[in-house]
């Protein structure tokens, strides 16, 4: 390993005939100057013999071995290839760093910005985390999926 590194004058973190390529080794480790291979393994988000292949859409982490959660917005549920966070945000009804949590009780919709109607029946006025329809029906005197209409109207 050491002999291969000493054949070139590439600065740390570079490899190739003219040192034109960047190493993608775990924790910023050194790579072999001719092949780009990483004795310590590839950095998260990269794979391949020379650690030069980015994870394909839908995968992330060390050796691209983890699948992105299905609640990431965008095409192919794409997430950040390094840490799995949802770069394009969450699908409607989900929140959190990796979009792995449903909206908290009493909230719904995109970025969980909607509030369940105060006229939803039940102790906590709960509603569906995606569309806001009341889980337990409406309080007496109210109608509609989101219990927004008074029967008196």
N, C-alpha and C. Protein backbone atom coordinates (compact mmCIF):
# COMPACT_ATOMS: atom_id res chain seq x y z
N UNK A 1 0.82 -1.19 0.00
CA UNK A 1 0.00 0.00 0.00
C UNK A 1 0.86 1.26 0.00
N UNK A 2 1.80 1.35 0.92
CA UNK A 2 2.63 2.54 1.02
C UNK A 2 3.47 2.75 -0.23
N UNK A 3 3.97 1.65 -0.81
CA UNK A 3 4.80 1.78 -2.01
C UNK A 3 4.00 2.40 -3.14
N UNK A 4 2.72 2.03 -3.27
CA UNK A 4 1.90 2.59 -4.34
C UNK A 4 1.71 4.09 -4.15
N UNK A 5 1.52 4.52 -2.92
CA UNK A 5 1.33 5.94 -2.65
C UNK A 5 2.58 6.75 -2.96
N UNK A 6 3.75 6.18 -2.75
CA UNK A 6 4.98 6.94 -2.91
C UNK A 6 5.39 7.11 -4.37
N UNK A 7 4.71 6.45 -5.31
CA UNK A 7 5.07 6.56 -6.72
C UNK A 7 4.65 7.89 -7.33
N UNK A 8 3.84 8.67 -6.65
CA UNK A 8 3.33 9.91 -7.21
C UNK A 8 3.51 11.05 -6.21
N UNK A 9 3.49 12.24 -6.73
CA UNK A 9 3.60 13.41 -5.88
C UNK A 9 2.25 14.09 -5.69
N UNK A 10 1.17 13.33 -5.80
CA UNK A 10 -0.16 13.91 -5.62
C UNK A 10 -0.32 14.40 -4.19
N UNK A 11 -0.97 15.54 -4.03
CA UNK A 11 -1.26 15.99 -2.67
C UNK A 11 -2.30 15.07 -2.02
N UNK A 12 -2.36 15.10 -0.71
CA UNK A 12 -3.32 14.26 0.02
C UNK A 12 -4.73 14.52 -0.50
N UNK A 13 -5.48 13.45 -0.68
CA UNK A 13 -6.86 13.57 -1.13
C UNK A 13 -7.04 13.61 -2.64
N UNK A 14 -5.96 13.47 -3.41
CA UNK A 14 -6.02 13.51 -4.87
C UNK A 14 -5.37 12.24 -5.44
N UNK A 15 -5.77 11.86 -6.65
CA UNK A 15 -5.14 10.73 -7.33
C UNK A 15 -5.31 10.88 -8.82
N UNK A 16 -4.65 10.00 -9.55
CA UNK A 16 -4.72 10.00 -11.01
C UNK A 16 -3.38 10.38 -11.62
N UNK A 17 -3.29 10.22 -12.93
CA UNK A 17 -2.05 10.48 -13.64
C UNK A 17 -1.53 11.89 -13.39
N UNK A 18 -2.44 12.86 -13.38
CA UNK A 18 -2.04 14.24 -13.11
C UNK A 18 -2.70 14.78 -11.84
N UNK A 19 -3.08 13.87 -10.96
CA UNK A 19 -3.71 14.22 -9.68
C UNK A 19 -5.03 14.96 -9.88
N UNK A 20 -5.71 14.67 -10.99
CA UNK A 20 -6.92 15.40 -11.35
C UNK A 20 -8.17 14.90 -10.63
N UNK A 21 -8.11 13.75 -10.01
CA UNK A 21 -9.31 13.19 -9.37
C UNK A 21 -9.22 13.29 -7.85
N UNK A 22 -10.38 13.41 -7.23
CA UNK A 22 -10.45 13.55 -5.78
C UNK A 22 -10.79 12.21 -5.13
N UNK A 23 -10.11 11.89 -4.03
CA UNK A 23 -10.41 10.68 -3.27
C UNK A 23 -11.75 10.85 -2.55
N UNK A 24 -12.47 9.77 -2.39
CA UNK A 24 -13.74 9.78 -1.65
C UNK A 24 -13.69 8.73 -0.55
N UNK A 25 -12.64 8.80 0.26
CA UNK A 25 -12.44 7.82 1.32
C UNK A 25 -13.13 8.24 2.61
N UNK A 26 -13.48 7.25 3.41
CA UNK A 26 -14.15 7.50 4.69
C UNK A 26 -13.27 8.39 5.57
N UNK A 27 -13.89 9.31 6.26
CA UNK A 27 -13.22 10.25 7.16
C UNK A 27 -12.09 11.03 6.48
N UNK A 28 -12.19 11.23 5.16
CA UNK A 28 -11.18 12.00 4.44
C UNK A 28 -9.84 11.29 4.33
N UNK A 29 -9.83 9.97 4.48
CA UNK A 29 -8.59 9.19 4.44
C UNK A 29 -7.91 9.24 3.09
N UNK A 30 -6.65 8.81 3.08
CA UNK A 30 -5.86 8.77 1.85
C UNK A 30 -6.30 7.62 0.97
N UNK A 31 -6.09 7.82 -0.33
CA UNK A 31 -6.38 6.76 -1.29
C UNK A 31 -5.11 6.41 -2.05
N UNK A 32 -5.17 5.31 -2.77
CA UNK A 32 -4.04 4.92 -3.61
C UNK A 32 -3.96 5.89 -4.78
N UNK A 33 -2.78 6.43 -5.04
CA UNK A 33 -2.64 7.51 -6.02
C UNK A 33 -2.94 7.09 -7.45
N UNK A 34 -2.83 5.82 -7.78
CA UNK A 34 -3.09 5.39 -9.16
C UNK A 34 -4.52 4.90 -9.35
N UNK A 35 -5.06 4.18 -8.36
CA UNK A 35 -6.39 3.58 -8.52
C UNK A 35 -7.51 4.36 -7.84
N UNK A 36 -7.18 5.15 -6.83
CA UNK A 36 -8.21 5.85 -6.07
C UNK A 36 -8.87 4.98 -5.03
N UNK A 37 -8.47 3.71 -4.95
CA UNK A 37 -9.03 2.81 -3.95
C UNK A 37 -8.73 3.30 -2.54
N UNK A 38 -9.64 3.03 -1.64
CA UNK A 38 -9.51 3.51 -0.27
C UNK A 38 -9.29 2.33 0.68
N UNK A 39 -8.12 2.24 1.30
CA UNK A 39 -7.87 1.13 2.21
C UNK A 39 -8.83 1.12 3.40
N UNK A 40 -9.33 2.29 3.78
CA UNK A 40 -10.24 2.36 4.93
C UNK A 40 -11.71 2.27 4.52
N UNK A 41 -12.00 2.23 3.22
CA UNK A 41 -13.37 2.17 2.73
C UNK A 41 -13.82 3.51 2.17
N UNK A 42 -14.92 3.48 1.46
CA UNK A 42 -15.46 4.68 0.81
C UNK A 42 -16.19 5.56 1.83
N UNK A 43 -16.17 6.85 1.55
CA UNK A 43 -16.94 7.80 2.35
C UNK A 43 -18.43 7.53 2.11
N UNK A 44 -19.29 7.84 3.09
CA UNK A 44 -20.72 7.67 2.87
C UNK A 44 -21.16 8.42 1.61
N UNK A 45 -22.01 7.78 0.82
CA UNK A 45 -22.50 8.39 -0.41
C UNK A 45 -21.75 7.93 -1.65
N UNK A 46 -20.70 7.12 -1.45
CA UNK A 46 -19.89 6.65 -2.57
C UNK A 46 -19.70 5.15 -2.49
N UNK A 47 -19.46 4.55 -3.65
CA UNK A 47 -19.21 3.12 -3.73
C UNK A 47 -18.28 2.87 -4.92
N UNK A 48 -17.95 1.63 -5.16
CA UNK A 48 -17.10 1.27 -6.29
C UNK A 48 -15.67 1.03 -5.88
N UNK A 49 -14.93 0.43 -6.78
CA UNK A 49 -13.53 0.09 -6.52
C UNK A 49 -12.70 1.31 -6.18
N UNK A 50 -12.97 2.42 -6.87
CA UNK A 50 -12.21 3.65 -6.59
C UNK A 50 -13.04 4.67 -5.80
N UNK A 51 -14.17 4.22 -5.24
CA UNK A 51 -15.06 5.08 -4.46
C UNK A 51 -15.49 6.31 -5.27
N UNK A 52 -15.55 6.17 -6.57
CA UNK A 52 -15.90 7.29 -7.43
C UNK A 52 -17.33 7.27 -7.92
N UNK A 53 -18.10 6.27 -7.52
CA UNK A 53 -19.48 6.17 -7.97
C UNK A 53 -20.41 6.65 -6.87
N UNK A 54 -21.20 7.69 -7.17
CA UNK A 54 -22.17 8.18 -6.19
C UNK A 54 -23.31 7.18 -6.07
N UNK A 55 -23.92 7.14 -4.90
CA UNK A 55 -25.08 6.27 -4.69
C UNK A 55 -26.14 6.59 -5.73
N UNK A 56 -26.81 5.56 -6.22
CA UNK A 56 -27.91 5.80 -7.15
C UNK A 56 -29.11 6.33 -6.37
N UNK A 57 -30.02 6.98 -7.07
CA UNK A 57 -31.20 7.57 -6.43
C UNK A 57 -31.93 6.53 -5.60
N UNK A 58 -32.30 6.93 -4.40
CA UNK A 58 -33.03 6.03 -3.51
C UNK A 58 -32.15 5.32 -2.49
N UNK A 59 -30.83 5.54 -2.56
CA UNK A 59 -29.89 4.88 -1.64
C UNK A 59 -28.93 5.91 -1.05
N UNK A 60 -28.38 5.58 0.14
CA UNK A 60 -27.43 6.48 0.78
C UNK A 60 -26.54 5.72 1.76
N UNK A 61 -25.55 6.42 2.31
CA UNK A 61 -24.72 5.89 3.38
C UNK A 61 -23.48 5.15 2.91
N UNK A 62 -22.87 4.44 3.85
CA UNK A 62 -21.65 3.69 3.58
C UNK A 62 -21.96 2.59 2.57
N UNK A 63 -21.17 2.56 1.50
CA UNK A 63 -21.34 1.62 0.39
C UNK A 63 -22.76 1.67 -0.19
N UNK A 64 -23.45 2.79 0.02
CA UNK A 64 -24.80 3.00 -0.53
C UNK A 64 -25.74 1.88 -0.08
N UNK A 65 -25.52 1.40 1.13
CA UNK A 65 -26.25 0.24 1.62
C UNK A 65 -27.58 0.52 2.29
N UNK A 66 -28.00 1.78 2.38
CA UNK A 66 -29.27 2.08 3.03
C UNK A 66 -30.24 2.68 2.02
N UNK A 67 -31.50 2.33 2.16
CA UNK A 67 -32.54 2.86 1.26
C UNK A 67 -33.15 4.12 1.86
N UNK A 68 -33.41 5.09 1.00
CA UNK A 68 -34.11 6.30 1.43
C UNK A 68 -35.53 5.91 1.83
N UNK A 69 -36.07 6.63 2.78
CA UNK A 69 -37.44 6.36 3.22
C UNK A 69 -38.40 6.77 2.11
N UNK A 70 -39.52 6.09 2.01
CA UNK A 70 -40.45 6.33 0.90
C UNK A 70 -41.22 7.65 1.04
N UNK A 71 -41.06 8.35 2.14
CA UNK A 71 -41.80 9.60 2.34
C UNK A 71 -41.05 10.84 1.88
N UNK A 72 -39.89 10.66 1.24
CA UNK A 72 -39.17 11.81 0.68
C UNK A 72 -39.92 12.28 -0.56
N UNK A 73 -40.08 13.59 -0.70
CA UNK A 73 -40.73 14.15 -1.88
C UNK A 73 -39.77 14.08 -3.06
N UNK A 74 -40.29 14.18 -4.25
CA UNK A 74 -39.46 14.17 -5.45
C UNK A 74 -39.42 12.81 -6.10
N UNK A 75 -38.65 12.73 -7.17
CA UNK A 75 -38.59 11.50 -7.94
C UNK A 75 -37.79 10.42 -7.22
N UNK A 76 -38.23 9.21 -7.32
CA UNK A 76 -37.55 8.03 -6.75
C UNK A 76 -37.33 8.12 -5.25
N UNK A 77 -38.13 8.91 -4.54
CA UNK A 77 -37.93 9.10 -3.10
C UNK A 77 -36.48 9.44 -2.79
N UNK A 78 -35.89 10.27 -3.64
CA UNK A 78 -34.47 10.60 -3.51
C UNK A 78 -34.17 11.29 -2.19
N UNK A 79 -33.03 10.94 -1.63
CA UNK A 79 -32.57 11.58 -0.41
C UNK A 79 -31.09 11.92 -0.56
N UNK A 80 -30.55 12.63 0.40
CA UNK A 80 -29.14 12.99 0.39
C UNK A 80 -28.32 11.70 0.42
N UNK A 81 -27.40 11.55 -0.52
CA UNK A 81 -26.66 10.29 -0.64
C UNK A 81 -25.74 10.02 0.55
N UNK A 82 -25.41 11.05 1.32
CA UNK A 82 -24.51 10.88 2.46
C UNK A 82 -25.26 10.47 3.72
N UNK A 83 -26.29 11.26 4.10
CA UNK A 83 -26.92 11.04 5.40
C UNK A 83 -28.40 10.65 5.35
N UNK A 84 -29.00 10.60 4.18
CA UNK A 84 -30.37 10.13 4.06
C UNK A 84 -31.46 11.16 4.28
N UNK A 85 -31.09 12.42 4.57
CA UNK A 85 -32.14 13.43 4.76
C UNK A 85 -32.83 13.68 3.41
N UNK A 86 -34.07 14.09 3.47
CA UNK A 86 -34.85 14.32 2.25
C UNK A 86 -34.57 15.72 1.73
N UNK A 87 -33.75 15.83 0.69
CA UNK A 87 -33.33 17.13 0.16
C UNK A 87 -34.48 17.94 -0.42
N UNK A 88 -35.49 17.27 -0.97
CA UNK A 88 -36.61 17.98 -1.59
C UNK A 88 -37.81 18.09 -0.66
N UNK A 89 -37.60 17.81 0.61
CA UNK A 89 -38.69 17.89 1.58
C UNK A 89 -39.45 16.58 1.69
N UNK A 90 -40.52 16.63 2.44
CA UNK A 90 -41.31 15.43 2.72
C UNK A 90 -42.60 15.40 1.91
N UNK A 91 -43.10 14.20 1.69
CA UNK A 91 -44.43 14.06 1.11
C UNK A 91 -45.45 14.63 2.09
N UNK A 92 -46.61 14.95 1.59
CA UNK A 92 -47.68 15.51 2.41
C UNK A 92 -48.00 14.56 3.57
N UNK A 93 -48.06 15.13 4.77
CA UNK A 93 -48.42 14.36 5.95
C UNK A 93 -47.23 13.84 6.75
N UNK A 94 -46.01 14.15 6.29
CA UNK A 94 -44.81 13.65 6.97
C UNK A 94 -43.86 14.79 7.30
N UNK A 95 -43.03 14.56 8.29
CA UNK A 95 -42.09 15.57 8.76
C UNK A 95 -40.84 14.88 9.28
N UNK A 96 -39.89 15.66 9.73
CA UNK A 96 -38.66 15.12 10.31
C UNK A 96 -37.50 15.18 9.34
N UNK A 97 -36.33 15.03 9.88
CA UNK A 97 -35.06 15.07 9.16
C UNK A 97 -35.07 14.13 7.95
N UNK A 98 -35.59 12.93 8.15
CA UNK A 98 -35.66 11.94 7.08
C UNK A 98 -37.10 11.65 6.67
N UNK A 99 -38.02 12.53 7.03
CA UNK A 99 -39.44 12.38 6.69
C UNK A 99 -39.99 11.05 7.21
N UNK A 100 -39.53 10.65 8.36
CA UNK A 100 -39.92 9.36 8.92
C UNK A 100 -40.95 9.48 10.04
N UNK A 101 -41.52 10.66 10.20
CA UNK A 101 -42.53 10.87 11.25
C UNK A 101 -43.80 11.43 10.61
N UNK A 102 -44.95 10.91 11.05
CA UNK A 102 -46.20 11.50 10.57
C UNK A 102 -46.40 12.81 11.32
N UNK A 103 -47.25 13.67 10.79
CA UNK A 103 -47.52 14.95 11.45
C UNK A 103 -47.97 14.70 12.88
N UNK A 104 -47.60 15.60 13.79
CA UNK A 104 -48.04 15.44 15.18
C UNK A 104 -49.56 15.58 15.30
N UNK A 105 -50.10 15.05 16.36
CA UNK A 105 -51.54 15.12 16.62
C UNK A 105 -52.03 16.56 16.48
N UNK A 106 -53.12 16.71 15.74
CA UNK A 106 -53.71 18.03 15.57
C UNK A 106 -53.22 18.77 14.34
N UNK A 107 -52.27 18.18 13.60
CA UNK A 107 -51.72 18.83 12.40
C UNK A 107 -51.79 17.88 11.22
N UNK A 108 -51.74 18.46 10.00
CA UNK A 108 -51.77 17.66 8.78
C UNK A 108 -51.20 18.45 7.62
N UNK A 109 -51.02 17.77 6.50
CA UNK A 109 -50.68 18.42 5.23
C UNK A 109 -49.20 18.63 4.99
N UNK A 110 -48.91 19.46 3.98
CA UNK A 110 -47.55 19.76 3.57
C UNK A 110 -46.81 20.44 4.71
N UNK A 111 -45.69 19.90 5.09
CA UNK A 111 -44.87 20.39 6.20
C UNK A 111 -45.66 20.46 7.51
N UNK A 112 -46.76 19.72 7.57
CA UNK A 112 -47.61 19.65 8.77
C UNK A 112 -48.08 21.04 9.20
N UNK A 113 -48.33 21.92 8.22
CA UNK A 113 -48.75 23.29 8.53
C UNK A 113 -50.24 23.43 8.75
N UNK A 114 -51.04 22.43 8.34
CA UNK A 114 -52.48 22.51 8.55
C UNK A 114 -52.85 22.13 9.98
N UNK A 115 -53.90 22.73 10.49
CA UNK A 115 -54.40 22.39 11.83
C UNK A 115 -55.76 21.71 11.68
N UNK A 116 -55.93 20.62 12.41
CA UNK A 116 -57.22 19.92 12.40
C UNK A 116 -58.29 20.87 12.92
N UNK A 117 -59.49 20.71 12.42
CA UNK A 117 -60.61 21.55 12.85
C UNK A 117 -60.88 21.37 14.34
N UNK A 118 -61.23 22.45 14.98
CA UNK A 118 -61.62 22.36 16.40
C UNK A 118 -62.95 21.65 16.54
N UNK A 119 -63.62 21.40 15.41
CA UNK A 119 -64.92 20.73 15.43
C UNK A 119 -64.82 19.24 15.12
N UNK A 120 -63.58 18.71 15.04
CA UNK A 120 -63.42 17.26 14.91
C UNK A 120 -63.83 16.64 16.24
N UNK A 121 -64.60 15.56 16.16
CA UNK A 121 -65.05 14.89 17.38
C UNK A 121 -63.87 14.18 18.05
N UNK A 122 -64.02 13.90 19.30
CA UNK A 122 -62.98 13.18 20.04
C UNK A 122 -62.21 14.10 20.96
N UNK A 123 -61.46 13.48 21.82
CA UNK A 123 -60.74 14.20 22.87
C UNK A 123 -59.70 15.18 22.34
N UNK A 124 -58.94 14.79 21.31
CA UNK A 124 -57.84 15.63 20.82
C UNK A 124 -58.11 16.29 19.47
N UNK A 125 -59.35 16.29 19.00
CA UNK A 125 -59.67 16.85 17.68
C UNK A 125 -58.73 16.32 16.61
N UNK A 126 -58.55 15.01 16.56
CA UNK A 126 -57.58 14.43 15.63
C UNK A 126 -58.15 14.33 14.21
N UNK A 127 -57.22 14.40 13.25
CA UNK A 127 -57.58 14.27 11.85
C UNK A 127 -56.50 13.49 11.12
N UNK A 128 -56.80 13.11 9.88
CA UNK A 128 -55.85 12.37 9.06
C UNK A 128 -54.63 13.25 8.80
N UNK A 129 -53.43 12.69 8.95
CA UNK A 129 -52.20 13.47 8.81
C UNK A 129 -51.94 13.94 7.38
N UNK A 130 -52.62 13.34 6.39
CA UNK A 130 -52.42 13.73 5.00
C UNK A 130 -53.45 14.76 4.55
N UNK A 131 -54.75 14.43 4.69
CA UNK A 131 -55.78 15.30 4.11
C UNK A 131 -56.59 16.12 5.11
N UNK A 132 -56.39 15.93 6.40
CA UNK A 132 -57.06 16.75 7.41
C UNK A 132 -58.49 16.35 7.73
N UNK A 133 -58.98 15.25 7.15
CA UNK A 133 -60.34 14.81 7.46
C UNK A 133 -60.38 14.28 8.89
N UNK A 134 -61.44 14.63 9.60
CA UNK A 134 -61.57 14.27 11.01
C UNK A 134 -61.66 12.75 11.18
N UNK A 135 -60.82 12.22 12.07
CA UNK A 135 -60.75 10.77 12.30
C UNK A 135 -62.02 10.20 12.91
N UNK A 136 -62.62 10.93 13.83
CA UNK A 136 -63.76 10.40 14.58
C UNK A 136 -65.06 11.12 14.25
N UNK A 137 -65.13 11.72 13.08
CA UNK A 137 -66.33 12.43 12.69
C UNK A 137 -66.34 13.84 13.26
N UNK A 138 -67.52 14.46 13.20
CA UNK A 138 -67.65 15.87 13.60
C UNK A 138 -68.38 16.01 14.93
N UNK A 139 -68.09 17.13 15.59
CA UNK A 139 -68.86 17.50 16.77
C UNK A 139 -70.31 17.71 16.34
N UNK A 140 -71.20 17.60 17.29
CA UNK A 140 -72.62 17.81 17.02
C UNK A 140 -72.83 19.20 16.42
N UNK A 141 -73.56 19.24 15.33
CA UNK A 141 -73.87 20.52 14.70
C UNK A 141 -72.94 20.87 13.54
N UNK A 142 -71.96 20.00 13.23
CA UNK A 142 -71.02 20.28 12.14
C UNK A 142 -70.98 19.11 11.17
N UNK A 143 -70.73 19.43 9.89
CA UNK A 143 -70.67 18.41 8.84
C UNK A 143 -69.48 18.67 7.93
N UNK A 144 -69.23 17.73 7.02
CA UNK A 144 -68.12 17.84 6.06
C UNK A 144 -66.94 17.02 6.53
N UNK A 145 -66.09 16.65 5.60
CA UNK A 145 -64.93 15.82 5.93
C UNK A 145 -64.02 16.45 6.97
N UNK A 146 -63.94 17.78 6.91
CA UNK A 146 -63.08 18.49 7.87
C UNK A 146 -63.92 19.21 8.92
N UNK A 147 -65.22 18.89 8.95
CA UNK A 147 -66.14 19.44 9.95
C UNK A 147 -66.14 20.96 9.97
N UNK A 148 -66.05 21.54 8.79
CA UNK A 148 -65.97 23.00 8.70
C UNK A 148 -67.32 23.67 8.47
N UNK A 149 -68.35 22.88 8.19
CA UNK A 149 -69.66 23.47 7.89
C UNK A 149 -70.63 23.25 9.06
N UNK A 150 -71.29 24.31 9.41
CA UNK A 150 -72.30 24.22 10.46
C UNK A 150 -73.60 23.72 9.84
N UNK A 151 -74.29 22.83 10.54
CA UNK A 151 -75.58 22.34 10.04
C UNK A 151 -76.61 23.46 10.01
N UNK A 152 -76.35 24.50 10.76
CA UNK A 152 -77.28 25.63 10.86
C UNK A 152 -77.28 26.48 9.59
N UNK A 153 -76.20 26.43 8.79
CA UNK A 153 -76.08 27.29 7.60
C UNK A 153 -77.05 26.92 6.53
